[in-house]
Amino acid sequence: MNPWILLIIAGLLEVVWASALKASNGFTILGPSLLTGIAAFVSFGLLGLAMKELPLGTAYGVWVGIGAIGAAIAGIVMFGDAATPLRFAGIALVTAGIIALKLA
């Protein structure tokens, strides 16, 4: 499979496990706690597969960036985090960084 597809799926799963981790309330709620572990395991596995063909800095940076952007948006949408202009500027900067890593 295309390493970029694996990397994007891995990044989206990072958003899933980060959101489930928040929803688990410190691992005190079973469903989100299990989802955290499963999504993290699969996310790391797919990242590892993508790294077989992609440079380390690119793969890791894109993976973290997708997770950071997705977690910030999930925090706003699902958990009521502040939706400030500065937060959106940060999301835009991370997005620009991901694009630069992809183009490099």
PDB file of N, CA and C in Angstrom:
ATOM      1  N   MET A   1       0.852  -1.183   0.000  1.00  0.00           N
ATOM      2  CA  MET A   1       0.000   0.000   0.000  1.00  0.00           C
ATOM      3  C   MET A   1       0.894   1.241   0.000  1.00  0.00           C
ATOM      4  N   ASN A   2       0.380   2.308  -0.540  1.00  0.00           N
ATOM      5  CA  ASN A   2       1.100   3.584  -0.615  1.00  0.00           C
ATOM      6  C   ASN A   2       1.466   4.065   0.801  1.00  0.00           C
ATOM      7  N   PRO A   3       2.749   4.383   1.039  1.00  0.00           N
ATOM      8  CA  PRO A   3       3.150   4.796   2.388  1.00  0.00           C
ATOM      9  C   PRO A   3       2.472   6.085   2.840  1.00  0.00           C
ATOM     10  N   TRP A   4       2.116   6.954   1.912  1.00  0.00           N
ATOM     11  CA  TRP A   4       1.422   8.193   2.295  1.00  0.00           C
ATOM     12  C   TRP A   4       0.014   7.904   2.795  1.00  0.00           C
ATOM     13  N   ILE A   5      -0.654   6.937   2.178  1.00  0.00           N
ATOM     14  CA  ILE A   5      -1.994   6.545   2.654  1.00  0.00           C
ATOM     15  C   ILE A   5      -1.877   5.958   4.060  1.00  0.00           C
ATOM     16  N   LEU A   6      -0.886   5.075   4.255  1.00  0.00           N
ATOM     17  CA  LEU A   6      -0.670   4.498   5.595  1.00  0.00           C
ATOM     18  C   LEU A   6      -0.405   5.590   6.618  1.00  0.00           C
ATOM     19  N   LEU A   7       0.389   6.572   6.231  1.00  0.00           N
ATOM     20  CA  LEU A   7       0.737   7.659   7.142  1.00  0.00           C
ATOM     21  C   LEU A   7      -0.481   8.511   7.490  1.00  0.00           C
ATOM     22  N   ILE A   8      -1.307   8.801   6.521  1.00  0.00           N
ATOM     23  CA  ILE A   8      -2.523   9.597   6.783  1.00  0.00           C
ATOM     24  C   ILE A   8      -3.463   8.834   7.709  1.00  0.00           C
ATOM     25  N   ILE A   9      -3.644   7.545   7.446  1.00  0.00           N
ATOM     26  CA  ILE A   9      -4.503   6.738   8.327  1.00  0.00           C
ATOM     27  C   ILE A   9      -3.913   6.694   9.737  1.00  0.00           C
ATOM     28  N   ALA A  10      -2.593   6.528   9.830  1.00  0.00           N
ATOM     29  CA  ALA A  10      -1.936   6.523  11.143  1.00  0.00           C
ATOM     30  C   ALA A  10      -2.164   7.843  11.867  1.00  0.00           C
ATOM     31  N   GLY A  11      -2.070   8.960  11.148  1.00  0.00           N
ATOM     32  CA  GLY A  11      -2.306  10.268  11.757  1.00  0.00           C
ATOM     33  C   GLY A  11      -3.741  10.439  12.222  1.00  0.00           C
ATOM     34  N   LEU A  12      -4.687   9.959  11.420  1.00  0.00           N
ATOM     35  CA  LEU A  12      -6.093  10.052  11.825  1.00  0.00           C
ATOM     36  C   LEU A  12      -6.365   9.185  13.050  1.00  0.00           C
ATOM     37  N   LEU A  13      -5.710   8.033  13.113  1.00  0.00           N
ATOM     38  CA  LEU A  13      -5.861   7.190  14.305  1.00  0.00           C
ATOM     39  C   LEU A  13      -5.226   7.825  15.535  1.00  0.00           C
ATOM     40  N   GLU A  14      -4.218   8.663  15.315  1.00  0.00           N
ATOM     41  CA  GLU A  14      -3.657   9.408  16.445  1.00  0.00           C
ATOM     42  C   GLU A  14      -4.713  10.352  17.021  1.00  0.00           C
ATOM     43  N   VAL A  15      -5.500  10.952  16.152  1.00  0.00           N
ATOM     44  CA  VAL A  15      -6.591  11.822  16.610  1.00  0.00           C
ATOM     45  C   VAL A  15      -7.608  11.003  17.397  1.00  0.00           C
ATOM     46  N   VAL A  16      -7.899   9.798  16.907  1.00  0.00           N
ATOM     47  CA  VAL A  16      -8.860   8.925  17.594  1.00  0.00           C
ATOM     48  C   VAL A  16      -8.360   8.586  18.996  1.00  0.00           C
ATOM     49  N   TRP A  17      -7.074   8.143  19.101  1.00  0.00           N
ATOM     50  CA  TRP A  17      -6.621   7.739  20.433  1.00  0.00           C
ATOM     51  C   TRP A  17      -6.463   8.919  21.371  1.00  0.00           C
ATOM     52  N   ALA A  18      -6.084  10.078  20.841  1.00  0.00           N
ATOM     53  CA  ALA A  18      -5.974  11.253  21.717  1.00  0.00           C
ATOM     54  C   ALA A  18      -7.347  11.673  22.236  1.00  0.00           C
ATOM     55  N   SER A  19      -8.332  11.641  21.366  1.00  0.00           N
ATOM     56  CA  SER A  19      -9.699  12.003  21.774  1.00  0.00           C
ATOM     57  C   SER A  19     -10.267  10.973  22.747  1.00  0.00           C
ATOM     58  N   ALA A  20     -10.021   9.698  22.465  1.00  0.00           N
ATOM     59  CA  ALA A  20     -10.496   8.647  23.369  1.00  0.00           C
ATOM     60  C   ALA A  20      -9.801   8.739  24.724  1.00  0.00           C
ATOM     61  N   LEU A  21      -8.527   9.113  24.708  1.00  0.00           N
ATOM     62  CA  LEU A  21      -7.798   9.284  25.963  1.00  0.00           C
ATOM     63  C   LEU A  21      -8.453  10.365  26.819  1.00  0.00           C
ATOM     64  N   LYS A  22      -8.824  11.479  26.200  1.00  0.00           N
ATOM     65  CA  LYS A  22      -9.520  12.543  26.926  1.00  0.00           C
ATOM     66  C   LYS A  22     -10.859  12.035  27.451  1.00  0.00           C
ATOM     67  N   ALA A  23     -11.582  11.308  26.588  1.00  0.00           N
ATOM     68  CA  ALA A  23     -12.906  10.808  26.968  1.00  0.00           C
ATOM     69  C   ALA A  23     -12.829   9.720  28.033  1.00  0.00           C
ATOM     70  N   SER A  24     -11.660   9.072  28.169  1.00  0.00           N
ATOM     71  CA  SER A  24     -11.533   7.982  29.144  1.00  0.00           C
ATOM     72  C   SER A  24     -11.475   8.481  30.584  1.00  0.00           C
ATOM     73  N   ASN A  25     -11.308   9.795  30.755  1.00  0.00           N
ATOM     74  CA  ASN A  25     -11.258  10.387  32.096  1.00  0.00           C
ATOM     75  C   ASN A  25     -10.188   9.711  32.957  1.00  0.00           C
ATOM     76  N   GLY A  26      -8.954   9.708  32.411  1.00  0.00           N
ATOM     77  CA  GLY A  26      -7.859   9.099  33.157  1.00  0.00           C
ATOM     78  C   GLY A  26      -7.967   7.586  33.234  1.00  0.00           C
ATOM     79  N   PHE A  27      -8.440   6.973  32.170  1.00  0.00           N
ATOM     80  CA  PHE A  27      -8.620   5.518  32.072  1.00  0.00           C
ATOM     81  C   PHE A  27      -9.626   4.976  33.082  1.00  0.00           C
ATOM     82  N   THR A  28     -10.610   5.797  33.445  1.00  0.00           N
ATOM     83  CA  THR A  28     -11.636   5.330  34.384  1.00  0.00           C
ATOM     84  C   THR A  28     -12.908   4.886  33.681  1.00  0.00           C
ATOM     85  N   ILE A  29     -12.992   5.091  32.358  1.00  0.00           N
ATOM     86  CA  ILE A  29     -14.159   4.659  31.589  1.00  0.00           C
ATOM     87  C   ILE A  29     -13.676   3.616  30.588  1.00  0.00           C
ATOM     88  N   LEU A  30     -14.233   2.425  30.649  1.00  0.00           N
ATOM     89  CA  LEU A  30     -13.697   1.274  29.922  1.00  0.00           C
ATOM     90  C   LEU A  30     -13.678   1.464  28.401  1.00  0.00           C
ATOM     91  N   GLY A  31     -14.795   1.834  27.796  1.00  0.00           N
ATOM     92  CA  GLY A  31     -14.871   1.924  26.335  1.00  0.00           C
ATOM     93  C   GLY A  31     -13.805   2.833  25.734  1.00  0.00           C
ATOM     94  N   PRO A  32     -13.749   4.099  26.142  1.00  0.00           N
ATOM     95  CA  PRO A  32     -12.717   4.970  25.603  1.00  0.00           C
ATOM     96  C   PRO A  32     -11.298   4.521  25.958  1.00  0.00           C
ATOM     97  N   SER A  33     -11.133   3.882  27.106  1.00  0.00           N
ATOM     98  CA  SER A  33      -9.806   3.385  27.490  1.00  0.00           C
ATOM     99  C   SER A  33      -9.341   2.302  26.523  1.00  0.00           C
ATOM    100  N   LEU A  34     -10.241   1.375  26.189  1.00  0.00           N
ATOM    101  CA  LEU A  34      -9.898   0.326  25.222  1.00  0.00           C
ATOM    102  C   LEU A  34      -9.631   0.910  23.846  1.00  0.00           C
ATOM    103  N   LEU A  35     -10.453   1.866  23.431  1.00  0.00           N
ATOM    104  CA  LEU A  35     -10.271   2.498  22.125  1.00  0.00           C
ATOM    105  C   LEU A  35      -8.923   3.219  22.059  1.00  0.00           C
ATOM    106  N   THR A  36      -8.521   3.837  23.157  1.00  0.00           N
ATOM    107  CA  THR A  36      -7.217   4.503  23.204  1.00  0.00           C
ATOM    108  C   THR A  36      -6.102   3.516  22.876  1.00  0.00           C
ATOM    109  N   GLY A  37      -6.100   2.388  23.544  1.00  0.00           N
ATOM    110  CA  GLY A  37      -5.047   1.394  23.338  1.00  0.00           C
ATOM    111  C   GLY A  37      -5.052   0.808  21.937  1.00  0.00           C
ATOM    112  N   ILE A  38      -6.214   0.461  21.447  1.00  0.00           N
ATOM    113  CA  ILE A  38      -6.311  -0.149  20.120  1.00  0.00           C
ATOM    114  C   ILE A  38      -5.886   0.837  19.042  1.00  0.00           C
ATOM    115  N   ALA A  39      -6.418   2.052  19.099  1.00  0.00           N
ATOM    116  CA  ALA A  39      -6.089   3.057  18.079  1.00  0.00           C
ATOM    117  C   ALA A  39      -4.614   3.425  18.129  1.00  0.00           C
ATOM    118  N   ALA A  40      -4.042   3.522  19.327  1.00  0.00           N
ATOM    119  CA  ALA A  40      -2.622   3.849  19.447  1.00  0.00           C
ATOM    120  C   ALA A  40      -1.763   2.730  18.864  1.00  0.00           C
ATOM    121  N   PHE A  41      -2.100   1.494  19.156  1.00  0.00           N
ATOM    122  CA  PHE A  41      -1.349   0.341  18.648  1.00  0.00           C
ATOM    123  C   PHE A  41      -1.362   0.321  17.116  1.00  0.00           C
ATOM    124  N   VAL A  42      -2.537   0.482  16.528  1.00  0.00           N
ATOM    125  CA  VAL A  42      -2.641   0.453  15.064  1.00  0.00           C
ATOM    126  C   VAL A  42      -1.954   1.676  14.457  1.00  0.00           C
ATOM    127  N   SER A  43      -2.097   2.830  15.088  1.00  0.00           N
ATOM    128  CA  SER A  43      -1.460   4.046  14.591  1.00  0.00           C
ATOM    129  C   SER A  43       0.055   3.895  14.543  1.00  0.00           C
ATOM    130  N   PHE A  44       0.640   3.396  15.623  1.00  0.00           N
ATOM    131  CA  PHE A  44       2.088   3.181  15.657  1.00  0.00           C
ATOM    132  C   PHE A  44       2.514   2.156  14.614  1.00  0.00           C
ATOM    133  N   GLY A  45       1.724   1.109  14.456  1.00  0.00           N
ATOM    134  CA  GLY A  45       2.046   0.086  13.470  1.00  0.00           C
ATOM    135  C   GLY A  45       2.058   0.634  12.054  1.00  0.00           C
ATOM    136  N   LEU A  46       1.051   1.418  11.726  1.00  0.00           N
ATOM    137  CA  LEU A  46       0.989   2.006  10.382  1.00  0.00           C
ATOM    138  C   LEU A  46       2.102   3.029  10.179  1.00  0.00           C
ATOM    139  N   LEU A  47       2.423   3.782  11.220  1.00  0.00           N
ATOM    140  CA  LEU A  47       3.548   4.719  11.128  1.00  0.00           C
ATOM    141  C   LEU A  47       4.829   3.949  10.829  1.00  0.00           C
ATOM    142  N   GLY A  48       5.033   2.847  11.510  1.00  0.00           N
ATOM    143  CA  GLY A  48       6.222   2.038  11.277  1.00  0.00           C
ATOM    144  C   GLY A  48       6.294   1.515   9.848  1.00  0.00           C
ATOM    145  N   LEU A  49       5.163   1.081   9.318  1.00  0.00           N
ATOM    146  CA  LEU A  49       5.139   0.605   7.931  1.00  0.00           C
ATOM    147  C   LEU A  49       5.439   1.740   6.959  1.00  0.00           C
ATOM    148  N   ALA A  50       4.877   2.913   7.206  1.00  0.00           N
ATOM    149  CA  ALA A  50       5.126   4.059   6.330  1.00  0.00           C
ATOM    150  C   ALA A  50       6.595   4.460   6.367  1.00  0.00           C
ATOM    151  N   MET A  51       7.227   4.326   7.536  1.00  0.00           N
ATOM    152  CA  MET A  51       8.630   4.708   7.681  1.00  0.00           C
ATOM    153  C   MET A  51       9.583   3.786   6.932  1.00  0.00           C
ATOM    154  N   LYS A  52       9.097   2.636   6.490  1.00  0.00           N
ATOM    155  CA  LYS A  52       9.946   1.758   5.692  1.00  0.00           C
ATOM    156  C   LYS A  52      10.332   2.428   4.375  1.00  0.00           C
ATOM    157  N   GLU A  53       9.465   3.341   3.888  1.00  0.00           N
ATOM    158  CA  GLU A  53       9.715   3.985   2.603  1.00  0.00           C
ATOM    159  C   GLU A  53       9.881   5.498   2.684  1.00  0.00           C
ATOM    160  N   LEU A  54       9.412   6.108   3.748  1.00  0.00           N
ATOM    161  CA  LEU A  54       9.490   7.566   3.871  1.00  0.00           C
ATOM    162  C   LEU A  54      10.616   7.957   4.825  1.00  0.00           C
ATOM    163  N   PRO A  55      11.214   9.127   4.622  1.00  0.00           N
ATOM    164  CA  PRO A  55      12.238   9.592   5.561  1.00  0.00           C
ATOM    165  C   PRO A  55      11.656   9.778   6.961  1.00  0.00           C
ATOM    166  N   LEU A  56      12.475   9.519   7.962  1.00  0.00           N
ATOM    167  CA  LEU A  56      12.052   9.613   9.358  1.00  0.00           C
ATOM    168  C   LEU A  56      11.434  10.969   9.685  1.00  0.00           C
ATOM    169  N   GLY A  57      12.163  12.036   9.394  1.00  0.00           N
ATOM    170  CA  GLY A  57      11.683  13.378   9.749  1.00  0.00           C
ATOM    171  C   GLY A  57      10.376  13.731   9.074  1.00  0.00           C
ATOM    172  N   THR A  58      10.240  13.326   7.831  1.00  0.00           N
ATOM    173  CA  THR A  58       9.003  13.599   7.094  1.00  0.00           C
ATOM    174  C   THR A  58       7.851  12.800   7.677  1.00  0.00           C
ATOM    175  N   ALA A  59       8.048  11.487   7.822  1.00  0.00           N
ATOM    176  CA  ALA A  59       6.967  10.626   8.304  1.00  0.00           C
ATOM    177  C   ALA A  59       6.529  11.025   9.711  1.00  0.00           C
ATOM    178  N   TYR A  60       7.488  11.189  10.599  1.00  0.00           N
ATOM    179  CA  TYR A  60       7.136  11.518  11.979  1.00  0.00           C
ATOM    180  C   TYR A  60       6.499  12.905  12.070  1.00  0.00           C
ATOM    181  N   GLY A  61       7.070  13.865  11.346  1.00  0.00           N
ATOM    182  CA  GLY A  61       6.519  15.221  11.375  1.00  0.00           C
ATOM    183  C   GLY A  61       5.101  15.287  10.857  1.00  0.00           C
ATOM    184  N   VAL A  62       4.826  14.598   9.768  1.00  0.00           N
ATOM    185  CA  VAL A  62       3.472  14.589   9.208  1.00  0.00           C
ATOM    186  C   VAL A  62       2.518  13.879  10.160  1.00  0.00           C
ATOM    187  N   TRP A  63       2.950  12.755  10.725  1.00  0.00           N
ATOM    188  CA  TRP A  63       2.108  11.997  11.661  1.00  0.00           C
ATOM    189  C   TRP A  63       1.732  12.847  12.873  1.00  0.00           C
ATOM    190  N   VAL A  64       2.733  13.483  13.465  1.00  0.00           N
ATOM    191  CA  VAL A  64       2.485  14.344  14.629  1.00  0.00           C
ATOM    192  C   VAL A  64       1.609  15.535  14.231  1.00  0.00           C
ATOM    193  N   GLY A  65       1.878  16.107  13.060  1.00  0.00           N
ATOM    194  CA  GLY A  65       1.107  17.262  12.612  1.00  0.00           C
ATOM    195  C   GLY A  65      -0.361  16.934  12.414  1.00  0.00           C
ATOM    196  N   ILE A  66      -0.629  15.805  11.749  1.00  0.00           N
ATOM    197  CA  ILE A  66      -2.023  15.387  11.571  1.00  0.00           C
ATOM    198  C   ILE A  66      -2.676  15.195  12.931  1.00  0.00           C
ATOM    199  N   GLY A  67      -1.961  14.550  13.844  1.00  0.00           N
ATOM    200  CA  GLY A  67      -2.504  14.335  15.181  1.00  0.00           C
ATOM    201  C   GLY A  67      -2.750  15.636  15.927  1.00  0.00           C
ATOM    202  N   ALA A  68      -1.810  16.572  15.826  1.00  0.00           N
ATOM    203  CA  ALA A  68      -1.951  17.846  16.532  1.00  0.00           C
ATOM    204  C   ALA A  68      -3.115  18.664  15.977  1.00  0.00           C
ATOM    205  N   ILE A  69      -3.198  18.741  14.664  1.00  0.00           N
ATOM    206  CA  ILE A  69      -4.299  19.490  14.045  1.00  0.00           C
ATOM    207  C   ILE A  69      -5.632  18.835  14.374  1.00  0.00           C
ATOM    208  N   GLY A  70      -5.690  17.519  14.190  1.00  0.00           N
ATOM    209  CA  GLY A  70      -6.941  16.807  14.462  1.00  0.00           C
ATOM    210  C   GLY A  70      -7.350  16.882  15.923  1.00  0.00           C
ATOM    211  N   ALA A  71      -6.383  16.757  16.826  1.00  0.00           N
ATOM    212  CA  ALA A  71      -6.705  16.829  18.255  1.00  0.00           C
ATOM    213  C   ALA A  71      -7.169  18.231  18.640  1.00  0.00           C
ATOM    214  N   ALA A  72      -6.563  19.248  18.047  1.00  0.00           N
ATOM    215  CA  ALA A  72      -6.999  20.623  18.340  1.00  0.00           C
ATOM    216  C   ALA A  72      -8.435  20.843  17.867  1.00  0.00           C
ATOM    217  N   ILE A  73      -8.735  20.359  16.675  1.00  0.00           N
ATOM    218  CA  ILE A  73     -10.101  20.511  16.143  1.00  0.00           C
ATOM    219  C   ILE A  73     -11.080  19.664  16.955  1.00  0.00           C
ATOM    220  N   ALA A  74     -10.695  18.431  17.288  1.00  0.00           N
ATOM    221  CA  ALA A  74     -11.563  17.581  18.109  1.00  0.00           C
ATOM    222  C   ALA A  74     -11.803  18.212  19.470  1.00  0.00           C
ATOM    223  N   GLY A  75     -10.775  18.824  20.039  1.00  0.00           N
ATOM    224  CA  GLY A  75     -10.949  19.491  21.326  1.00  0.00           C
ATOM    225  C   GLY A  75     -11.976  20.603  21.259  1.00  0.00           C
ATOM    226  N   ILE A  76     -11.938  21.356  20.167  1.00  0.00           N
ATOM    227  CA  ILE A  76     -12.905  22.447  19.988  1.00  0.00           C
ATOM    228  C   ILE A  76     -14.308  21.890  19.788  1.00  0.00           C
ATOM    229  N   VAL A  77     -14.431  20.908  18.896  1.00  0.00           N
ATOM    230  CA  VAL A  77     -15.746  20.387  18.514  1.00  0.00           C
ATOM    231  C   VAL A  77     -16.354  19.487  19.591  1.00  0.00           C
ATOM    232  N   MET A  78     -15.536  18.595  20.161  1.00  0.00           N
ATOM    233  CA  MET A  78     -16.083  17.577  21.057  1.00  0.00           C
ATOM    234  C   MET A  78     -15.985  17.919  22.538  1.00  0.00           C
ATOM    235  N   PHE A  79     -14.979  18.725  22.907  1.00  0.00           N
ATOM    236  CA  PHE A  79     -14.726  18.933  24.323  1.00  0.00           C
ATOM    237  C   PHE A  79     -14.835  20.388  24.761  1.00  0.00           C
ATOM    238  N   GLY A  80     -15.262  21.265  23.860  1.00  0.00           N
ATOM    239  CA  GLY A  80     -15.495  22.652  24.223  1.00  0.00           C
ATOM    240  C   GLY A  80     -14.250  23.482  24.457  1.00  0.00           C
ATOM    241  N   ASP A  81     -13.107  23.057  23.883  1.00  0.00           N
ATOM    242  CA  ASP A  81     -11.897  23.872  23.996  1.00  0.00           C
ATOM    243  C   ASP A  81     -12.120  25.218  23.311  1.00  0.00           C
ATOM    244  N   ALA A  82     -11.394  26.224  23.743  1.00  0.00           N
ATOM    245  CA  ALA A  82     -11.552  27.573  23.195  1.00  0.00           C
ATOM    246  C   ALA A  82     -11.201  27.593  21.706  1.00  0.00           C
ATOM    247  N   ALA A  83     -12.040  28.260  20.936  1.00  0.00           N
ATOM    248  CA  ALA A  83     -11.824  28.416  19.491  1.00  0.00           C
ATOM    249  C   ALA A  83     -11.345  29.843  19.239  1.00  0.00           C
ATOM    250  N   THR A  84     -10.099  30.107  19.582  1.00  0.00           N
ATOM    251  CA  THR A  84      -9.563  31.463  19.489  1.00  0.00           C
ATOM    252  C   THR A  84      -8.810  31.667  18.171  1.00  0.00           C
ATOM    253  N   PRO A  85      -8.669  32.915  17.757  1.00  0.00           N
ATOM    254  CA  PRO A  85      -7.881  33.182  16.549  1.00  0.00           C
ATOM    255  C   PRO A  85      -6.448  32.663  16.657  1.00  0.00           C
ATOM    256  N   LEU A  86      -5.845  32.760  17.831  1.00  0.00           N
ATOM    257  CA  LEU A  86      -4.481  32.275  18.009  1.00  0.00           C
ATOM    258  C   LEU A  86      -4.404  30.760  17.827  1.00  0.00           C
ATOM    259  N   ARG A  87      -5.397  30.046  18.321  1.00  0.00           N
ATOM    260  CA  ARG A  87      -5.434  28.589  18.142  1.00  0.00           C
ATOM    261  C   ARG A  87      -5.527  28.244  16.656  1.00  0.00           C
ATOM    262  N   PHE A  88      -6.378  28.953  15.923  1.00  0.00           N
ATOM    263  CA  PHE A  88      -6.506  28.684  14.488  1.00  0.00           C
ATOM    264  C   PHE A  88      -5.243  29.088  13.732  1.00  0.00           C
ATOM    265  N   ALA A  89      -4.560  30.120  14.185  1.00  0.00           N
ATOM    266  CA  ALA A  89      -3.280  30.495  13.569  1.00  0.00           C
ATOM    267  C   ALA A  89      -2.256  29.379  13.794  1.00  0.00           C
ATOM    268  N   GLY A  90      -2.241  28.801  14.967  1.00  0.00           N
ATOM    269  CA  GLY A  90      -1.345  27.679  15.243  1.00  0.00           C
ATOM    270  C   GLY A  90      -1.646  26.486  14.354  1.00  0.00           C
ATOM    271  N   ILE A  91      -2.932  26.189  14.177  1.00  0.00           N
ATOM    272  CA  ILE A  91      -3.336  25.095  13.287  1.00  0.00           C
ATOM    273  C   ILE A  91      -2.855  25.376  11.863  1.00  0.00           C
ATOM    274  N   ALA A  92      -2.984  26.624  11.423  1.00  0.00           N
ATOM    275  CA  ALA A  92      -2.532  26.996  10.075  1.00  0.00           C
ATOM    276  C   ALA A  92      -1.019  26.831   9.944  1.00  0.00           C
ATOM    277  N   LEU A  93      -0.275  27.190  10.975  1.00  0.00           N
ATOM    278  CA  LEU A  93       1.180  27.039  10.928  1.00  0.00           C
ATOM    279  C   LEU A  93       1.600  25.569  10.884  1.00  0.00           C
ATOM    280  N   VAL A  94       0.929  24.743  11.659  1.00  0.00           N
ATOM    281  CA  VAL A  94       1.246  23.312  11.619  1.00  0.00           C
ATOM    282  C   VAL A  94       0.913  22.743  10.242  1.00  0.00           C
ATOM    283  N   THR A  95      -0.206  23.169   9.681  1.00  0.00           N
ATOM    284  CA  THR A  95      -0.578  22.724   8.337  1.00  0.00           C
ATOM    285  C   THR A  95       0.482  23.129   7.320  1.00  0.00           C
ATOM    286  N   ALA A  96       0.979  24.348   7.418  1.00  0.00           N
ATOM    287  CA  ALA A  96       2.043  24.794   6.510  1.00  0.00           C
ATOM    288  C   ALA A  96       3.289  23.956   6.683  1.00  0.00           C
ATOM    289  N   GLY A  97       3.598  23.568   7.903  1.00  0.00           N
ATOM    290  CA  GLY A  97       4.758  22.720   8.153  1.00  0.00           C
ATOM    291  C   GLY A  97       4.596  21.346   7.526  1.00  0.00           C
ATOM    292  N   ILE A  98       3.406  20.771   7.628  1.00  0.00           N
ATOM    293  CA  ILE A  98       3.156  19.473   7.016  1.00  0.00           C
ATOM    294  C   ILE A  98       3.331  19.550   5.499  1.00  0.00           C
ATOM    295  N   ILE A  99       2.791  20.602   4.907  1.00  0.00           N
ATOM    296  CA  ILE A  99       2.922  20.775   3.453  1.00  0.00           C
ATOM    297  C   ILE A  99       4.396  20.894   3.063  1.00  0.00           C
ATOM    298  N   ALA A 100       5.152  21.660   3.844  1.00  0.00           N
ATOM    299  CA  ALA A 100       6.580  21.829   3.546  1.00  0.00           C
ATOM    300  C   ALA A 100       7.317  20.486   3.654  1.00  0.00           C
ATOM    301  N   LEU A 101       6.982  19.670   4.660  1.00  0.00           N
ATOM    302  CA  LEU A 101       7.622  18.366   4.796  1.00  0.00           C
ATOM    303  C   LEU A 101       7.269  17.449   3.634  1.00  0.00           C
ATOM    304  N   LYS A 102       6.038  17.528   3.180  1.00  0.00           N
ATOM    305  CA  LYS A 102       5.601  16.689   2.049  1.00  0.00           C
ATOM    306  C   LYS A 102       6.338  17.097   0.784  1.00  0.00           C
ATOM    307  N   LEU A 103       6.562  18.380   0.598  1.00  0.00           N
ATOM    308  CA  LEU A 103       7.210  18.885  -0.610  1.00  0.00           C
ATOM    309  C   LEU A 103       8.727  18.701  -0.589  1.00  0.00           C
ATOM    310  N   ALA A 104       9.284  18.558   0.600  1.00  0.00           N
ATOM    311  CA  ALA A 104      10.754  18.473   0.721  1.00  0.00           C
ATOM    312  C   ALA A 104      11.296  17.165   0.196  1.00  0.00           C
TER     313      ALA A 104
END
